[in-house]
Structures are given as structure tokens and as C-alpha cells.
Amino acid sequence: MTQLPADPEGMNDERAVWGRTAIEVFQDVTGSDDGDALGDLLSDLMHLCDRTDAYGAFDEMLRRARMHYRDETAV
């Protein structure tokens, strides 16, 4: 079993469930299979960011996501 990173707030299992729920909804809408769903979803989010400034540039949002992940897994 893979060793999970630290979870100082005790929320990372729930965060993973939220992510899985987003992927399941995406798969229901698109028919994407398990092996492609995450990559397809990320690609579609890149297209969304190209077409609207409501969410910001994808690369900036990815940088922000990595920062949040580091904060959520820091001891």
C-alpha cells in the first residue's frame, strides 16, 4: 500500500472523495474511462481556462493547486 502524505487537518480523505466525485460526474457526462478520465478532465479544464477569465490561467491555477496540496499535506 502506498504511504499517504501527512494530513494535519484530517481532511484529505474527504478531499479525495470530492475529487473522485468530480471525476465520476465527468465520466457520466463524457463516457471517459478510468484510465483517461483524469487527463481528459484536466485537458477540458485547460480549454475552459482558454475561453474564460472567470477561473484564471490554467498554469496559474495549477500552481495554486500545488501550493494548496503542499499546505494540506505539510506537517
C-alpha atoms as a PDB file:
ATOM      1  CA  MET A   1       0.000   0.000   0.000  1.00  0.00           C
ATOM      2  CA  THR A   2       1.223   3.499  -0.818  1.00  0.00           C
ATOM      3  CA  GLN A   3       2.225   5.643   2.137  1.00  0.00           C
ATOM      4  CA  LEU A   4      -0.011   8.709   2.221  1.00  0.00           C
ATOM      5  CA  PRO A   5       1.369  12.169   2.935  1.00  0.00           C
ATOM      6  CA  ALA A   6       0.676  13.917   6.217  1.00  0.00           C
ATOM      7  CA  ASP A   7      -2.893  15.048   6.893  1.00  0.00           C
ATOM      8  CA  PRO A   8      -2.636  17.702   9.615  1.00  0.00           C
ATOM      9  CA  GLU A   9      -6.270  18.823   9.302  1.00  0.00           C
ATOM     10  CA  GLY A  10      -7.701  15.315   8.985  1.00  0.00           C
ATOM     11  CA  MET A  11      -9.461  16.347   5.753  1.00  0.00           C
ATOM     12  CA  ASN A  12      -7.510  14.670   2.959  1.00  0.00           C
ATOM     13  CA  ASP A  13      -9.685  11.550   2.750  1.00  0.00           C
ATOM     14  CA  GLU A  14     -12.691  13.823   2.263  1.00  0.00           C
ATOM     15  CA  ARG A  15     -10.795  15.927  -0.286  1.00  0.00           C
ATOM     16  CA  ALA A  16     -10.008  12.746  -2.223  1.00  0.00           C
ATOM     17  CA  VAL A  17     -13.711  11.840  -2.197  1.00  0.00           C
ATOM     18  CA  TRP A  18     -14.545  15.278  -3.624  1.00  0.00           C
ATOM     19  CA  GLY A  19     -12.024  14.725  -6.404  1.00  0.00           C
ATOM     20  CA  ARG A  20     -13.371  11.255  -7.140  1.00  0.00           C
ATOM     21  CA  THR A  21     -16.921  12.640  -7.261  1.00  0.00           C
ATOM     22  CA  ALA A  22     -15.850  15.262  -9.816  1.00  0.00           C
ATOM     23  CA  ILE A  23     -14.262  12.574 -11.980  1.00  0.00           C
ATOM     24  CA  GLU A  24     -17.330  10.312 -11.704  1.00  0.00           C
ATOM     25  CA  VAL A  25     -19.637  13.141 -12.825  1.00  0.00           C
ATOM     26  CA  PHE A  26     -17.228  13.905 -15.692  1.00  0.00           C
ATOM     27  CA  GLN A  27     -17.241  10.235 -16.705  1.00  0.00           C
ATOM     28  CA  ASP A  28     -21.042  10.109 -16.579  1.00  0.00           C
ATOM     29  CA  VAL A  29     -21.222  13.089 -18.949  1.00  0.00           C
ATOM     30  CA  THR A  30     -18.381  12.155 -21.323  1.00  0.00           C
ATOM     31  CA  GLY A  31     -18.099   8.372 -21.132  1.00  0.00           C
ATOM     32  CA  SER A  32     -14.369   8.687 -20.441  1.00  0.00           C
ATOM     33  CA  ASP A  33     -12.896   5.506 -18.961  1.00  0.00           C
ATOM     34  CA  ASP A  34     -10.953   5.241 -15.708  1.00  0.00           C
ATOM     35  CA  GLY A  35      -7.552   5.289 -17.392  1.00  0.00           C
ATOM     36  CA  ASP A  36      -8.263   8.502 -19.305  1.00  0.00           C
ATOM     37  CA  ALA A  37     -10.705  10.399 -17.091  1.00  0.00           C
ATOM     38  CA  LEU A  38      -8.279  12.494 -15.051  1.00  0.00           C
ATOM     39  CA  GLY A  39      -6.191  13.520 -18.063  1.00  0.00           C
ATOM     40  CA  ASP A  40      -9.318  14.238 -20.117  1.00  0.00           C
ATOM     41  CA  LEU A  41     -10.815  16.321 -17.327  1.00  0.00           C
ATOM     42  CA  LEU A  42      -7.614  18.333 -16.902  1.00  0.00           C
ATOM     43  CA  SER A  43      -7.429  18.894 -20.661  1.00  0.00           C
ATOM     44  CA  ASP A  44     -11.035  20.093 -20.742  1.00  0.00           C
ATOM     45  CA  LEU A  45     -10.331  22.441 -17.838  1.00  0.00           C
ATOM     46  CA  MET A  46      -7.434  23.858 -19.857  1.00  0.00           C
ATOM     47  CA  HIS A  47      -9.876  24.535 -22.723  1.00  0.00           C
ATOM     48  CA  LEU A  48     -12.241  26.197 -20.260  1.00  0.00           C
ATOM     49  CA  CYS A  49      -9.498  28.483 -18.966  1.00  0.00           C
ATOM     50  CA  ASP A  50      -8.627  29.417 -22.574  1.00  0.00           C
ATOM     51  CA  ARG A  51     -12.183  30.563 -23.121  1.00  0.00           C
ATOM     52  CA  THR A  52     -12.967  32.475 -19.945  1.00  0.00           C
ATOM     53  CA  ASP A  53     -11.094  34.588 -17.458  1.00  0.00           C
ATOM     54  CA  ALA A  54     -13.508  33.646 -14.674  1.00  0.00           C
ATOM     55  CA  TYR A  55     -11.120  30.969 -13.380  1.00  0.00           C
ATOM     56  CA  GLY A  56      -7.752  32.435 -14.339  1.00  0.00           C
ATOM     57  CA  ALA A  57      -4.997  30.938 -16.442  1.00  0.00           C
ATOM     58  CA  PHE A  58      -4.691  27.169 -16.113  1.00  0.00           C
ATOM     59  CA  ASP A  59      -0.970  27.247 -15.307  1.00  0.00           C
ATOM     60  CA  GLU A  60      -1.619  29.736 -12.502  1.00  0.00           C
ATOM     61  CA  MET A  61      -4.455  27.589 -11.142  1.00  0.00           C
ATOM     62  CA  LEU A  62      -2.201  24.525 -11.286  1.00  0.00           C
ATOM     63  CA  ARG A  63       0.479  26.432  -9.366  1.00  0.00           C
ATOM     64  CA  ARG A  64      -2.153  27.413  -6.804  1.00  0.00           C
ATOM     65  CA  ALA A  65      -3.405  23.816  -6.576  1.00  0.00           C
ATOM     66  CA  ARG A  66       0.123  22.582  -5.896  1.00  0.00           C
ATOM     67  CA  MET A  67       0.521  25.206  -3.181  1.00  0.00           C
ATOM     68  CA  HIS A  68      -2.776  24.125  -1.566  1.00  0.00           C
ATOM     69  CA  TYR A  69      -1.723  20.472  -1.757  1.00  0.00           C
ATOM     70  CA  ARG A  70       1.607  21.258  -0.080  1.00  0.00           C
ATOM     71  CA  ASP A  71      -0.224  23.174   2.667  1.00  0.00           C
ATOM     72  CA  GLU A  72      -2.731  20.344   3.135  1.00  0.00           C
ATOM     73  CA  THR A  73      -0.010  17.712   3.438  1.00  0.00           C
ATOM     74  CA  ALA A  74       2.564  19.636   5.474  1.00  0.00           C
ATOM     75  CA  VAL A  75       3.421  18.546   8.971  1.00  0.00           C
END
